[in-house]
Protein backbone atom coordinates (compact mmCIF):
# COMPACT_ATOMS: atom_id res chain seq x y z
CA MET A 1 25.84 -2.29 -44.79
CA HIS A 2 28.74 -3.65 -42.77
CA VAL A 3 29.15 -3.31 -38.99
CA SER A 4 32.51 -3.77 -37.28
CA ILE A 5 32.16 -4.22 -33.53
CA VAL A 6 35.43 -3.23 -31.84
CA ILE A 7 35.96 -4.33 -28.23
CA PRO A 8 39.01 -2.82 -26.49
CA ALA A 9 40.13 -5.00 -23.60
CA TYR A 10 42.78 -4.78 -20.91
CA ASN A 11 42.84 -7.73 -18.50
CA GLU A 12 39.18 -8.52 -19.13
CA ALA A 13 39.37 -12.31 -18.64
CA LYS A 14 36.31 -12.09 -16.39
CA HIS A 15 34.12 -10.41 -19.04
CA ILE A 16 35.50 -10.87 -22.56
CA ALA A 17 34.02 -14.28 -23.43
CA ASP A 18 30.50 -13.21 -22.38
CA CYS A 19 30.88 -9.94 -24.26
CA VAL A 20 32.01 -11.63 -27.48
CA ARG A 21 29.36 -14.36 -27.28
CA SER A 22 26.50 -11.96 -26.51
CA THR A 23 27.65 -9.65 -29.33
CA ARG A 24 27.73 -12.55 -31.78
CA GLU A 25 24.26 -13.65 -30.68
CA ALA A 26 22.82 -10.14 -31.00
CA MET A 27 24.39 -9.56 -34.42
CA GLY A 28 23.30 -13.00 -35.58
CA GLU A 29 19.69 -12.05 -34.84
CA VAL A 30 20.15 -8.69 -36.52
CA SER A 31 21.58 -10.21 -39.70
CA ARG A 32 18.83 -12.87 -39.85
CA ALA A 33 16.26 -10.05 -39.78
CA ASN A 34 18.37 -7.90 -42.17
CA PRO A 35 20.25 -10.17 -44.61
CA VAL A 36 21.99 -7.15 -46.17
CA VAL A 37 23.86 -6.48 -42.90
CA THR A 38 27.26 -8.12 -42.58
CA TRP A 39 29.34 -7.88 -39.44
CA ARG A 40 32.57 -8.76 -37.72
CA VAL A 41 33.77 -8.76 -34.08
CA VAL A 42 37.30 -7.40 -33.46
CA VAL A 43 38.90 -7.48 -30.02
CA ALA A 44 41.80 -5.13 -29.33
CA ASP A 45 43.90 -6.72 -26.59
CA ASN A 46 45.56 -3.79 -24.83
CA ASN A 47 48.65 -5.55 -23.44
CA SER A 48 46.67 -7.93 -21.21
CA THR A 49 48.47 -10.38 -18.93
CA ASP A 50 45.49 -12.58 -18.07
CA GLY A 51 44.78 -14.38 -21.35
CA THR A 52 42.13 -11.94 -22.57
CA GLY A 53 43.14 -12.37 -26.23
CA GLU A 54 43.02 -16.16 -26.13
CA LEU A 55 39.64 -16.13 -24.37
CA ALA A 56 38.29 -13.73 -27.02
CA ARG A 57 39.43 -16.04 -29.82
CA ALA A 58 37.90 -19.06 -28.09
CA ALA A 59 34.60 -17.19 -27.67
CA GLY A 60 34.43 -16.50 -31.42
CA ALA A 61 36.05 -13.12 -32.05
CA ASP A 62 36.69 -12.79 -35.79
CA ALA A 63 39.99 -11.04 -35.12
CA VAL A 64 42.15 -10.21 -32.12
CA VAL A 65 44.76 -7.48 -32.47
CA PHE A 66 47.41 -6.62 -29.91
CA GLU A 67 48.15 -3.06 -28.82
CA PRO A 68 51.26 -2.96 -26.58
CA VAL A 69 50.79 0.58 -25.21
CA ASN A 70 48.26 0.71 -22.38
CA GLN A 71 45.93 3.47 -23.50
CA ILE A 72 42.25 3.06 -24.34
CA SER A 73 42.48 5.39 -27.37
CA ARG A 74 45.29 3.30 -28.83
CA ALA A 75 43.36 0.08 -28.24
CA ARG A 76 40.20 1.46 -29.85
CA ASN A 77 42.22 2.77 -32.81
CA ALA A 78 44.07 -0.55 -33.22
CA GLY A 79 40.76 -2.42 -33.38
CA ALA A 80 39.37 0.08 -35.87
CA GLY A 81 42.53 -0.29 -37.96
CA GLU A 82 41.94 -4.04 -38.18
CA ALA A 83 38.31 -3.47 -39.14
CA LEU A 84 39.28 -0.94 -41.82
CA ALA A 85 41.94 -3.28 -43.23
CA THR A 86 39.13 -5.73 -44.02
CA VAL A 87 36.32 -3.38 -45.08
CA ALA A 88 37.14 0.04 -46.57
CA ALA A 89 35.92 3.22 -44.97
CA SER A 90 32.57 4.32 -46.39
CA PRO A 91 29.15 5.63 -45.32
CA GLU A 92 27.97 1.99 -45.41
CA HIS A 93 30.64 0.74 -42.99
CA TRP A 94 29.85 1.51 -39.36
CA LEU A 95 32.21 1.11 -36.43
CA VAL A 96 30.70 0.19 -33.08
CA PHE A 97 32.95 0.47 -30.01
CA LEU A 98 31.75 -1.68 -27.13
CA ASP A 99 33.38 -1.96 -23.71
CA ALA A 100 34.34 -5.50 -22.69
CA ASP A 101 32.07 -5.41 -19.65
CA SER A 102 29.08 -4.24 -21.71
CA ARG A 103 26.38 -6.23 -23.47
CA ILE A 104 24.27 -5.30 -26.49
CA SER A 105 20.83 -6.54 -27.38
CA PRO A 106 19.47 -7.20 -30.85
CA GLY A 107 16.91 -4.43 -30.25
CA LEU A 108 19.60 -1.88 -29.46
CA MET A 109 21.54 -2.83 -32.59
CA GLN A 110 18.38 -2.65 -34.73
CA GLU A 111 17.70 0.84 -33.38
CA MET A 112 21.28 1.92 -34.06
CA LEU A 113 21.12 0.55 -37.61
CA GLY A 114 17.83 2.36 -38.16
CA HIS A 115 19.56 5.65 -37.34
CA ALA A 116 22.51 4.69 -39.53
CA ARG A 117 20.31 3.85 -42.51
CA GLY A 118 18.39 7.09 -42.18
CA GLY A 119 21.43 8.98 -43.41
CA ARG A 120 20.92 11.78 -40.89
CA VAL A 121 23.55 10.77 -38.34
CA ALA A 122 27.32 10.36 -38.47
CA GLY A 123 27.46 8.62 -35.11
CA GLY A 124 26.01 8.33 -31.66
CA ALA A 125 26.02 6.46 -28.37
CA ALA A 126 23.67 4.55 -26.14
CA LEU A 127 22.36 5.53 -22.76
CA LEU A 128 23.53 3.25 -19.98
CA ARG A 129 21.75 0.59 -17.99
CA PHE A 130 23.70 -0.67 -15.01
CA GLU A 131 23.38 -4.11 -13.50
CA PRO A 132 21.41 -3.51 -10.30
CA THR A 133 24.18 -4.49 -7.89
CA SER A 134 23.14 -1.94 -5.28
CA SER A 135 20.34 0.48 -4.50
CA PHE A 136 22.80 3.31 -5.20
CA MET A 137 23.31 2.08 -8.76
CA ARG A 138 19.56 1.83 -9.33
CA LEU A 139 19.19 5.43 -8.18
CA ALA A 140 22.25 6.71 -10.02
CA GLU A 141 21.33 5.31 -13.45
CA PRO A 142 18.51 7.75 -14.33
CA ALA A 143 20.49 10.75 -13.08
CA PHE A 144 23.58 9.69 -14.97
CA ASN A 145 21.59 9.28 -18.20
CA VAL A 146 19.97 12.70 -17.79
CA ILE A 147 23.44 14.23 -17.46
CA LEU A 148 24.57 12.38 -20.62
CA ARG A 149 21.57 13.68 -22.58
CA VAL A 150 21.92 17.26 -21.42
CA ALA A 151 25.68 17.28 -22.05
CA ARG A 152 25.22 15.39 -25.34
CA ALA A 153 28.09 13.17 -24.17
CA THR A 154 29.07 9.85 -25.69
CA PRO A 155 29.85 7.29 -22.98
CA GLY A 156 32.41 4.71 -24.01
CA ALA A 157 30.23 1.70 -23.18
CA LEU A 158 28.77 1.87 -26.72
CA ILE A 159 29.71 4.40 -29.37
CA PHE A 160 29.03 4.11 -33.09
CA CYS A 161 30.10 6.13 -36.10
CA ARG A 162 30.53 6.01 -39.84
CA SER A 163 33.92 4.61 -40.70
CA ASP A 164 34.64 7.39 -43.19
CA ALA A 165 34.00 9.95 -40.45
CA PHE A 166 36.30 8.02 -38.12
CA VAL A 167 39.11 8.04 -40.68
CA GLU A 168 38.70 11.72 -41.56
CA ILE A 169 38.80 12.90 -37.94
CA GLY A 170 41.82 10.72 -37.20
CA GLY A 171 40.12 8.26 -34.86
CA PHE A 172 40.25 8.53 -31.08
CA ARG A 173 42.55 11.26 -29.82
CA ARG A 174 45.80 9.78 -28.56
CA ASP A 175 46.79 12.90 -26.64
CA VAL A 176 44.23 12.22 -23.89
CA PHE A 177 44.38 9.45 -21.32
CA ALA A 178 40.68 9.51 -20.47
CA GLY A 179 37.59 11.08 -21.98
CA GLU A 180 38.48 9.84 -25.46
CA ASP A 181 34.86 8.73 -25.88
CA ALA A 182 33.54 12.26 -25.28
CA TYR A 183 36.11 13.73 -27.64
CA LEU A 184 35.17 11.25 -30.37
CA GLY A 185 31.52 12.24 -30.01
CA TYR A 186 32.46 15.91 -30.28
CA ASP A 187 34.72 15.31 -33.30
CA VAL A 188 32.15 13.18 -35.14
CA ARG A 189 29.39 15.73 -34.43
CA ARG A 190 31.57 18.52 -35.80
CA TRP A 191 32.43 16.40 -38.87
CA GLY A 192 28.76 15.62 -39.48
CA ARG A 193 27.80 19.29 -39.45
CA THR A 194 30.11 19.91 -42.41
CA ARG A 195 28.29 17.35 -44.57
């Protein structure tokens, strides 16, 4: 199994190094526990002007690609294109899209890989846990996650899918400026029902 972690980033100098480092640490633990899992971190620099790409390289990103058009769908697709140029699309190649201000834990990745190995899912997303910066955020988190579950929505903070599904549906929709994460979840779900 191969996992390509794609991190789209526009002017994320404040977050990108921590995101790349924490992703590498989490995936390092995962691959030590599961030697058959290989992985790669790809950052898609979405026309940043603050050195995001250079910071990502310095933090250990395996590849940094540049997308000149400022649109999250394009950035996500550019990163996936780099991942797919290295490892062909297949049911054993999973794409994980992680926002630059998000962090993953080894436990979360193990759980995701467990679902992936089970062969019953084509993709999914994680519920959100906010940094407790205010009492409002602590109160909003459970309500927000209930809404996500009921709506079966895929928040962009962490989305994963089979790479062959991603290729067949055409990736993230480029005709939307926002909500591309929800559309990808819908498209992957529809694709999975045909299998």
